[in-house]
Amino acid sequence: HVVGWRTQEFYKTQITNRLPRNARIEVYRTFGGKFKVIESTIVLTQNDHDTHFFILTLEPDGSLLAQYQIDTKHGINTKKNDW
């Protein structure tokens, strides 16, 4: 019987500003379970126990590809405090 496991998920978010002026953009992501950010091309800030966010300003017709990897514990692993 499996009582604990981990998953690693990779995310890519492409953001493009189509406005004729600079745009301030806030992106909030919610992840379930006990997780941590392993790698990221942006600075993710923790908002609460299951939400991270990042804020950026894009110039007109500017774009950004945000990439990040999340490691999540499930089952009995969530009780182990190894990270």
PDB file of N, CA and C in Angstrom:
ATOM      1  N   HIS A   1       0.831  -1.182   0.000  1.00  0.00           N
ATOM      2  CA  HIS A   1       0.000   0.000   0.000  1.00  0.00           C
ATOM      3  C   HIS A   1       0.876   1.247   0.000  1.00  0.00           C
ATOM      4  N   VAL A   2       0.540   2.164  -0.845  1.00  0.00           N
ATOM      5  CA  VAL A   2       1.266   3.438  -0.899  1.00  0.00           C
ATOM      6  C   VAL A   2       0.650   4.377   0.132  1.00  0.00           C
ATOM      7  N   VAL A   3       1.483   4.876   1.038  1.00  0.00           N
ATOM      8  CA  VAL A   3       0.987   5.767   2.080  1.00  0.00           C
ATOM      9  C   VAL A   3       1.556   7.171   1.969  1.00  0.00           C
ATOM     10  N   GLY A   4       2.539   7.361   1.120  1.00  0.00           N
ATOM     11  CA  GLY A   4       3.116   8.684   0.936  1.00  0.00           C
ATOM     12  C   GLY A   4       3.875   8.751  -0.370  1.00  0.00           C
ATOM     13  N   TRP A   5       3.785   9.866  -1.042  1.00  0.00           N
ATOM     14  CA  TRP A   5       4.482  10.042  -2.312  1.00  0.00           C
ATOM     15  C   TRP A   5       4.683  11.526  -2.581  1.00  0.00           C
ATOM     16  N   ARG A   6       5.511  11.790  -3.567  1.00  0.00           N
ATOM     17  CA  ARG A   6       5.798  13.178  -3.951  1.00  0.00           C
ATOM     18  C   ARG A   6       5.544  13.325  -5.442  1.00  0.00           C
ATOM     19  N   THR A   7       5.119  14.511  -5.818  1.00  0.00           N
ATOM     20  CA  THR A   7       4.964  14.824  -7.235  1.00  0.00           C
ATOM     21  C   THR A   7       5.768  16.077  -7.540  1.00  0.00           C
ATOM     22  N   GLN A   8       6.278  16.149  -8.750  1.00  0.00           N
ATOM     23  CA  GLN A   8       6.957  17.345  -9.221  1.00  0.00           C
ATOM     24  C   GLN A   8       6.234  17.813 -10.470  1.00  0.00           C
ATOM     25  N   GLU A   9       5.832  19.071 -10.442  1.00  0.00           N
ATOM     26  CA  GLU A   9       5.081  19.634 -11.551  1.00  0.00           C
ATOM     27  C   GLU A   9       5.839  20.821 -12.122  1.00  0.00           C
ATOM     28  N   PHE A  10       5.836  20.916 -13.437  1.00  0.00           N
ATOM     29  CA  PHE A  10       6.497  22.003 -14.140  1.00  0.00           C
ATOM     30  C   PHE A  10       5.424  22.919 -14.727  1.00  0.00           C
ATOM     31  N   TYR A  11       5.575  24.217 -14.536  1.00  0.00           N
ATOM     32  CA  TYR A  11       4.608  25.178 -15.035  1.00  0.00           C
ATOM     33  C   TYR A  11       5.297  26.187 -15.945  1.00  0.00           C
ATOM     34  N   LYS A  12       4.585  26.565 -16.992  1.00  0.00           N
ATOM     35  CA  LYS A  12       5.017  27.650 -17.867  1.00  0.00           C
ATOM     36  C   LYS A  12       3.836  28.602 -18.016  1.00  0.00           C
ATOM     37  N   THR A  13       4.092  29.875 -17.821  1.00  0.00           N
ATOM     38  CA  THR A  13       3.054  30.883 -17.969  1.00  0.00           C
ATOM     39  C   THR A  13       3.583  31.975 -18.882  1.00  0.00           C
ATOM     40  N   GLN A  14       2.968  32.141 -20.029  1.00  0.00           N
ATOM     41  CA  GLN A  14       3.345  33.195 -20.985  1.00  0.00           C
ATOM     42  C   GLN A  14       2.433  34.390 -20.744  1.00  0.00           C
ATOM     43  N   ILE A  15       3.036  35.537 -20.481  1.00  0.00           N
ATOM     44  CA  ILE A  15       2.280  36.762 -20.222  1.00  0.00           C
ATOM     45  C   ILE A  15       2.689  37.802 -21.253  1.00  0.00           C
ATOM     46  N   THR A  16       1.700  38.409 -21.910  1.00  0.00           N
ATOM     47  CA  THR A  16       1.962  39.413 -22.937  1.00  0.00           C
ATOM     48  C   THR A  16       1.113  40.643 -22.662  1.00  0.00           C
ATOM     49  N   ASN A  17       1.710  41.811 -22.764  1.00  0.00           N
ATOM     50  CA  ASN A  17       0.993  43.076 -22.597  1.00  0.00           C
ATOM     51  C   ASN A  17       0.581  43.590 -23.973  1.00  0.00           C
ATOM     52  N   ARG A  18      -0.702  43.620 -24.250  1.00  0.00           N
ATOM     53  CA  ARG A  18      -1.222  44.139 -25.520  1.00  0.00           C
ATOM     54  C   ARG A  18      -1.739  45.567 -25.404  1.00  0.00           C
ATOM     55  N   LEU A  19      -1.576  46.164 -24.230  1.00  0.00           N
ATOM     56  CA  LEU A  19      -2.016  47.545 -24.030  1.00  0.00           C
ATOM     57  C   LEU A  19      -1.001  48.515 -24.631  1.00  0.00           C
ATOM     58  N   PRO A  20      -1.428  49.726 -24.966  1.00  0.00           N
ATOM     59  CA  PRO A  20      -0.501  50.715 -25.514  1.00  0.00           C
ATOM     60  C   PRO A  20       0.322  51.436 -24.437  1.00  0.00           C
ATOM     61  N   ARG A  21       0.255  50.953 -23.216  1.00  0.00           N
ATOM     62  CA  ARG A  21       1.004  51.566 -22.101  1.00  0.00           C
ATOM     63  C   ARG A  21       1.569  50.455 -21.218  1.00  0.00           C
ATOM     64  N   ASN A  22       2.442  50.815 -20.286  1.00  0.00           N
ATOM     65  CA  ASN A  22       2.981  49.838 -19.344  1.00  0.00           C
ATOM     66  C   ASN A  22       1.847  49.224 -18.523  1.00  0.00           C
ATOM     67  N   ALA A  23       2.000  47.966 -18.189  1.00  0.00           N
ATOM     68  CA  ALA A  23       0.985  47.273 -17.394  1.00  0.00           C
ATOM     69  C   ALA A  23       1.645  46.593 -16.201  1.00  0.00           C
ATOM     70  N   ARG A  24       1.064  46.821 -15.026  1.00  0.00           N
ATOM     71  CA  ARG A  24       1.504  46.127 -13.807  1.00  0.00           C
ATOM     72  C   ARG A  24       0.621  44.891 -13.681  1.00  0.00           C
ATOM     73  N   ILE A  25       1.252  43.721 -13.592  1.00  0.00           N
ATOM     74  CA  ILE A  25       0.520  42.467 -13.605  1.00  0.00           C
ATOM     75  C   ILE A  25       0.842  41.678 -12.340  1.00  0.00           C
ATOM     76  N   GLU A  26      -0.201  41.177 -11.690  1.00  0.00           N
ATOM     77  CA  GLU A  26      -0.061  40.317 -10.523  1.00  0.00           C
ATOM     78  C   GLU A  26      -0.624  38.952 -10.890  1.00  0.00           C
ATOM     79  N   VAL A  27       0.159  37.899 -10.655  1.00  0.00           N
ATOM     80  CA  VAL A  27      -0.266  36.541 -10.952  1.00  0.00           C
ATOM     81  C   VAL A  27      -0.229  35.742  -9.657  1.00  0.00           C
ATOM     82  N   TYR A  28      -1.370  35.161  -9.285  1.00  0.00           N
ATOM     83  CA  TYR A  28      -1.482  34.348  -8.079  1.00  0.00           C
ATOM     84  C   TYR A  28      -1.699  32.893  -8.481  1.00  0.00           C
ATOM     85  N   ARG A  29      -0.949  31.986  -7.864  1.00  0.00           N
ATOM     86  CA  ARG A  29      -1.082  30.548  -8.126  1.00  0.00           C
ATOM     87  C   ARG A  29      -1.302  29.840  -6.799  1.00  0.00           C
ATOM     88  N   THR A  30      -2.270  28.937  -6.772  1.00  0.00           N
ATOM     89  CA  THR A  30      -2.577  28.159  -5.577  1.00  0.00           C
ATOM     90  C   THR A  30      -2.190  26.710  -5.821  1.00  0.00           C
ATOM     91  N   PHE A  31      -1.468  26.140  -4.882  1.00  0.00           N
ATOM     92  CA  PHE A  31      -1.023  24.753  -4.961  1.00  0.00           C
ATOM     93  C   PHE A  31      -1.505  24.032  -3.709  1.00  0.00           C
ATOM     94  N   GLY A  32      -2.077  22.853  -3.871  1.00  0.00           N
ATOM     95  CA  GLY A  32      -2.574  22.094  -2.731  1.00  0.00           C
ATOM     96  C   GLY A  32      -1.481  21.266  -2.085  1.00  0.00           C
ATOM     97  N   GLY A  33      -1.675  20.962  -0.810  1.00  0.00           N
ATOM     98  CA  GLY A  33      -0.728  20.105  -0.101  1.00  0.00           C
ATOM     99  C   GLY A  33       0.480  20.848   0.411  1.00  0.00           C
ATOM    100  N   LYS A  34       1.432  20.085   0.922  1.00  0.00           N
ATOM    101  CA  LYS A  34       2.684  20.667   1.411  1.00  0.00           C
ATOM    102  C   LYS A  34       3.653  20.704   0.240  1.00  0.00           C
ATOM    103  N   PHE A  35       4.035  21.882  -0.171  1.00  0.00           N
ATOM    104  CA  PHE A  35       4.843  22.026  -1.376  1.00  0.00           C
ATOM    105  C   PHE A  35       5.966  23.022  -1.156  1.00  0.00           C
ATOM    106  N   LYS A  36       6.929  22.970  -2.083  1.00  0.00           N
ATOM    107  CA  LYS A  36       7.969  23.995  -2.117  1.00  0.00           C
ATOM    108  C   LYS A  36       8.333  24.235  -3.572  1.00  0.00           C
ATOM    109  N   VAL A  37       8.828  25.422  -3.830  1.00  0.00           N
ATOM    110  CA  VAL A  37       9.277  25.787  -5.169  1.00  0.00           C
ATOM    111  C   VAL A  37      10.717  25.319  -5.305  1.00  0.00           C
ATOM    112  N   ILE A  38      10.981  24.474  -6.314  1.00  0.00           N
ATOM    113  CA  ILE A  38      12.323  23.936  -6.514  1.00  0.00           C
ATOM    114  C   ILE A  38      13.154  24.867  -7.386  1.00  0.00           C
ATOM    115  N   GLU A  39      12.629  25.210  -8.551  1.00  0.00           N
ATOM    116  CA  GLU A  39      13.321  26.098  -9.481  1.00  0.00           C
ATOM    117  C   GLU A  39      12.327  27.111 -10.018  1.00  0.00           C
ATOM    118  N   SER A  40      12.824  28.298 -10.355  1.00  0.00           N
ATOM    119  CA  SER A  40      11.939  29.314 -10.887  1.00  0.00           C
ATOM    120  C   SER A  40      12.744  30.365 -11.644  1.00  0.00           C
ATOM    121  N   THR A  41      12.191  30.835 -12.755  1.00  0.00           N
ATOM    122  CA  THR A  41      12.830  31.910 -13.515  1.00  0.00           C
ATOM    123  C   THR A  41      12.355  33.272 -13.033  1.00  0.00           C
ATOM    124  N   ILE A  42      11.432  33.288 -12.078  1.00  0.00           N
ATOM    125  CA  ILE A  42      10.897  34.519 -11.495  1.00  0.00           C
ATOM    126  C   ILE A  42      10.951  34.393  -9.978  1.00  0.00           C
ATOM    127  N   VAL A  43      10.702  35.487  -9.303  1.00  0.00           N
ATOM    128  CA  VAL A  43      10.663  35.462  -7.844  1.00  0.00           C
ATOM    129  C   VAL A  43       9.222  35.236  -7.411  1.00  0.00           C
ATOM    130  N   LEU A  44       8.963  34.066  -6.823  1.00  0.00           N
ATOM    131  CA  LEU A  44       7.639  33.753  -6.294  1.00  0.00           C
ATOM    132  C   LEU A  44       7.623  34.108  -4.815  1.00  0.00           C
ATOM    133  N   THR A  45       6.616  34.855  -4.387  1.00  0.00           N
ATOM    134  CA  THR A  45       6.475  35.273  -3.003  1.00  0.00           C
ATOM    135  C   THR A  45       5.294  34.535  -2.398  1.00  0.00           C
ATOM    136  N   GLN A  46       5.453  34.034  -1.170  1.00  0.00           N
ATOM    137  CA  GLN A  46       4.364  33.304  -0.530  1.00  0.00           C
ATOM    138  C   GLN A  46       3.340  34.275   0.011  1.00  0.00           C
ATOM    139  N   ASN A  47       2.069  34.080  -0.371  1.00  0.00           N
ATOM    140  CA  ASN A  47       0.967  34.922   0.072  1.00  0.00           C
ATOM    141  C   ASN A  47       0.311  34.341   1.330  1.00  0.00           C
ATOM    142  N   ASP A  48       0.007  33.058   1.313  1.00  0.00           N
ATOM    143  CA  ASP A  48      -0.499  32.336   2.470  1.00  0.00           C
ATOM    144  C   ASP A  48      -0.018  30.893   2.379  1.00  0.00           C
ATOM    145  N   HIS A  49      -0.611  29.982   3.141  1.00  0.00           N
ATOM    146  CA  HIS A  49      -0.075  28.614   3.217  1.00  0.00           C
ATOM    147  C   HIS A  49      -0.117  27.859   1.895  1.00  0.00           C
ATOM    148  N   ASP A  50      -0.995  28.215   0.958  1.00  0.00           N
ATOM    149  CA  ASP A  50      -1.053  27.477  -0.307  1.00  0.00           C
ATOM    150  C   ASP A  50      -1.034  28.361  -1.552  1.00  0.00           C
ATOM    151  N   THR A  51      -0.722  29.629  -1.398  1.00  0.00           N
ATOM    152  CA  THR A  51      -0.725  30.554  -2.537  1.00  0.00           C
ATOM    153  C   THR A  51       0.604  31.296  -2.647  1.00  0.00           C
ATOM    154  N   HIS A  52       1.136  31.333  -3.862  1.00  0.00           N
ATOM    155  CA  HIS A  52       2.312  32.138  -4.187  1.00  0.00           C
ATOM    156  C   HIS A  52       1.920  33.133  -5.273  1.00  0.00           C
ATOM    157  N   PHE A  53       2.665  34.227  -5.370  1.00  0.00           N
ATOM    158  CA  PHE A  53       2.370  35.206  -6.403  1.00  0.00           C
ATOM    159  C   PHE A  53       3.645  35.842  -6.908  1.00  0.00           C
ATOM    160  N   PHE A  54       3.533  36.461  -8.084  1.00  0.00           N
ATOM    161  CA  PHE A  54       4.605  37.303  -8.586  1.00  0.00           C
ATOM    162  C   PHE A  54       3.993  38.522  -9.248  1.00  0.00           C
ATOM    163  N   ILE A  55       4.734  39.620  -9.184  1.00  0.00           N
ATOM    164  CA  ILE A  55       4.292  40.902  -9.737  1.00  0.00           C
ATOM    165  C   ILE A  55       5.341  41.369 -10.725  1.00  0.00           C
ATOM    166  N   LEU A  56       4.877  41.871 -11.860  1.00  0.00           N
ATOM    167  CA  LEU A  56       5.805  42.381 -12.856  1.00  0.00           C
ATOM    168  C   LEU A  56       5.180  43.538 -13.605  1.00  0.00           C
ATOM    169  N   THR A  57       6.012  44.318 -14.245  1.00  0.00           N
ATOM    170  CA  THR A  57       5.560  45.408 -15.102  1.00  0.00           C
ATOM    171  C   THR A  57       6.079  45.134 -16.503  1.00  0.00           C
ATOM    172  N   LEU A  58       5.161  45.125 -17.455  1.00  0.00           N
ATOM    173  CA  LEU A  58       5.527  44.879 -18.845  1.00  0.00           C
ATOM    174  C   LEU A  58       5.305  46.124 -19.679  1.00  0.00           C
ATOM    175  N   GLU A  59       6.232  46.394 -20.568  1.00  0.00           N
ATOM    176  CA  GLU A  59       6.105  47.507 -21.502  1.00  0.00           C
ATOM    177  C   GLU A  59       5.091  47.138 -22.581  1.00  0.00           C
ATOM    178  N   PRO A  60       4.615  48.109 -23.367  1.00  0.00           N
ATOM    179  CA  PRO A  60       3.685  47.790 -24.450  1.00  0.00           C
ATOM    180  C   PRO A  60       4.270  46.728 -25.383  1.00  0.00           C
ATOM    181  N   ASP A  61       3.471  45.749 -25.720  1.00  0.00           N
ATOM    182  CA  ASP A  61       3.860  44.606 -26.553  1.00  0.00           C
ATOM    183  C   ASP A  61       5.001  43.788 -25.946  1.00  0.00           C
ATOM    184  N   GLY A  62       5.263  43.964 -24.680  1.00  0.00           N
ATOM    185  CA  GLY A  62       6.286  43.170 -23.999  1.00  0.00           C
ATOM    186  C   GLY A  62       5.703  41.837 -23.553  1.00  0.00           C
ATOM    187  N   SER A  63       6.566  40.844 -23.373  1.00  0.00           N
ATOM    188  CA  SER A  63       6.090  39.547 -22.905  1.00  0.00           C
ATOM    189  C   SER A  63       7.128  38.906 -21.992  1.00  0.00           C
ATOM    190  N   LEU A  64       6.677  37.926 -21.228  1.00  0.00           N
ATOM    191  CA  LEU A  64       7.529  37.212 -20.289  1.00  0.00           C
ATOM    192  C   LEU A  64       7.064  35.770 -20.232  1.00  0.00           C
ATOM    193  N   LEU A  65       8.012  34.846 -20.246  1.00  0.00           N
ATOM    194  CA  LEU A  65       7.714  33.434 -20.040  1.00  0.00           C
ATOM    195  C   LEU A  65       8.215  33.070 -18.649  1.00  0.00           C
ATOM    196  N   ALA A  66       7.281  32.839 -17.737  1.00  0.00           N
ATOM    197  CA  ALA A  66       7.618  32.451 -16.370  1.00  0.00           C
ATOM    198  C   ALA A  66       7.588  30.934 -16.283  1.00  0.00           C
ATOM    199  N   GLN A  67       8.661  30.349 -15.747  1.00  0.00           N
ATOM    200  CA  GLN A  67       8.737  28.897 -15.594  1.00  0.00           C
ATOM    201  C   GLN A  67       9.106  28.580 -14.151  1.00  0.00           C
ATOM    202  N   TYR A  68       8.429  27.600 -13.573  1.00  0.00           N
ATOM    203  CA  TYR A  68       8.731  27.207 -12.210  1.00  0.00           C
ATOM    204  C   TYR A  68       8.359  25.753 -12.005  1.00  0.00           C
ATOM    205  N   GLN A  69       9.015  25.143 -11.004  1.00  0.00           N
ATOM    206  CA  GLN A  69       8.821  23.731 -10.690  1.00  0.00           C
ATOM    207  C   GLN A  69       8.420  23.615  -9.227  1.00  0.00           C
ATOM    208  N   ILE A  70       7.388  22.824  -8.962  1.00  0.00           N
ATOM    209  CA  ILE A  70       6.851  22.649  -7.616  1.00  0.00           C
ATOM    210  C   ILE A  70       7.004  21.193  -7.202  1.00  0.00           C
ATOM    211  N   ASP A  71       7.510  20.965  -5.995  1.00  0.00           N
ATOM    212  CA  ASP A  71       7.607  19.628  -5.397  1.00  0.00           C
ATOM    213  C   ASP A  71       6.550  19.552  -4.299  1.00  0.00           C
ATOM    214  N   THR A  72       5.625  18.587  -4.393  1.00  0.00           N
ATOM    215  CA  THR A  72       4.517  18.475  -3.444  1.00  0.00           C
ATOM    216  C   THR A  72       4.545  17.121  -2.754  1.00  0.00           C
ATOM    217  N   LYS A  73       4.356  17.146  -1.441  1.00  0.00           N
ATOM    218  CA  LYS A  73       4.269  15.914  -0.656  1.00  0.00           C
ATOM    219  C   LYS A  73       2.799  15.529  -0.501  1.00  0.00           C
ATOM    220  N   HIS A  74       2.537  14.216  -0.550  1.00  0.00           N
ATOM    221  CA  HIS A  74       1.183  13.698  -0.399  1.00  0.00           C
ATOM    222  C   HIS A  74       1.187  12.563   0.622  1.00  0.00           C
ATOM    223  N   GLY A  75       0.038  12.296   1.206  1.00  0.00           N
ATOM    224  CA  GLY A  75      -0.089  11.190   2.158  1.00  0.00           C
ATOM    225  C   GLY A  75       0.758  11.386   3.396  1.00  0.00           C
ATOM    226  N   ILE A  76       1.367  10.326   3.880  1.00  0.00           N
ATOM    227  CA  ILE A  76       2.147  10.362   5.121  1.00  0.00           C
ATOM    228  C   ILE A  76       3.382  11.260   4.989  1.00  0.00           C
ATOM    229  N   ASN A  77       3.854  11.467   3.756  1.00  0.00           N
ATOM    230  CA  ASN A  77       5.016  12.340   3.545  1.00  0.00           C
ATOM    231  C   ASN A  77       4.772  13.766   4.032  1.00  0.00           C
ATOM    232  N   THR A  78       3.519  14.210   4.046  1.00  0.00           N
ATOM    233  CA  THR A  78       3.238  15.586   4.465  1.00  0.00           C
ATOM    234  C   THR A  78       3.571  15.814   5.930  1.00  0.00           C
ATOM    235  N   LYS A  79       3.661  14.729   6.714  1.00  0.00           N
ATOM    236  CA  LYS A  79       3.955  14.871   8.139  1.00  0.00           C
ATOM    237  C   LYS A  79       5.444  14.891   8.434  1.00  0.00           C
ATOM    238  N   LYS A  80       6.251  14.447   7.464  1.00  0.00           N
ATOM    239  CA  LYS A  80       7.695  14.470   7.645  1.00  0.00           C
ATOM    240  C   LYS A  80       8.217  15.865   7.353  1.00  0.00           C
ATOM    241  N   ASN A  81       9.063  16.346   8.207  1.00  0.00           N
ATOM    242  CA  ASN A  81       9.567  17.712   8.063  1.00  0.00           C
ATOM    243  C   ASN A  81      10.990  17.687   7.529  1.00  0.00           C
ATOM    244  N   ASP A  82      11.192  17.080   6.349  1.00  0.00           N
ATOM    245  CA  ASP A  82      12.549  16.978   5.797  1.00  0.00           C
ATOM    246  C   ASP A  82      12.913  18.140   4.890  1.00  0.00           C
ATOM    247  N   TRP A  83      12.030  19.110   4.684  1.00  0.00           N
ATOM    248  CA  TRP A  83      12.373  20.363   4.015  1.00  0.00           C
ATOM    249  C   TRP A  83      11.494  21.441   4.394  1.00  0.00           C
TER     250      TRP A  83
END
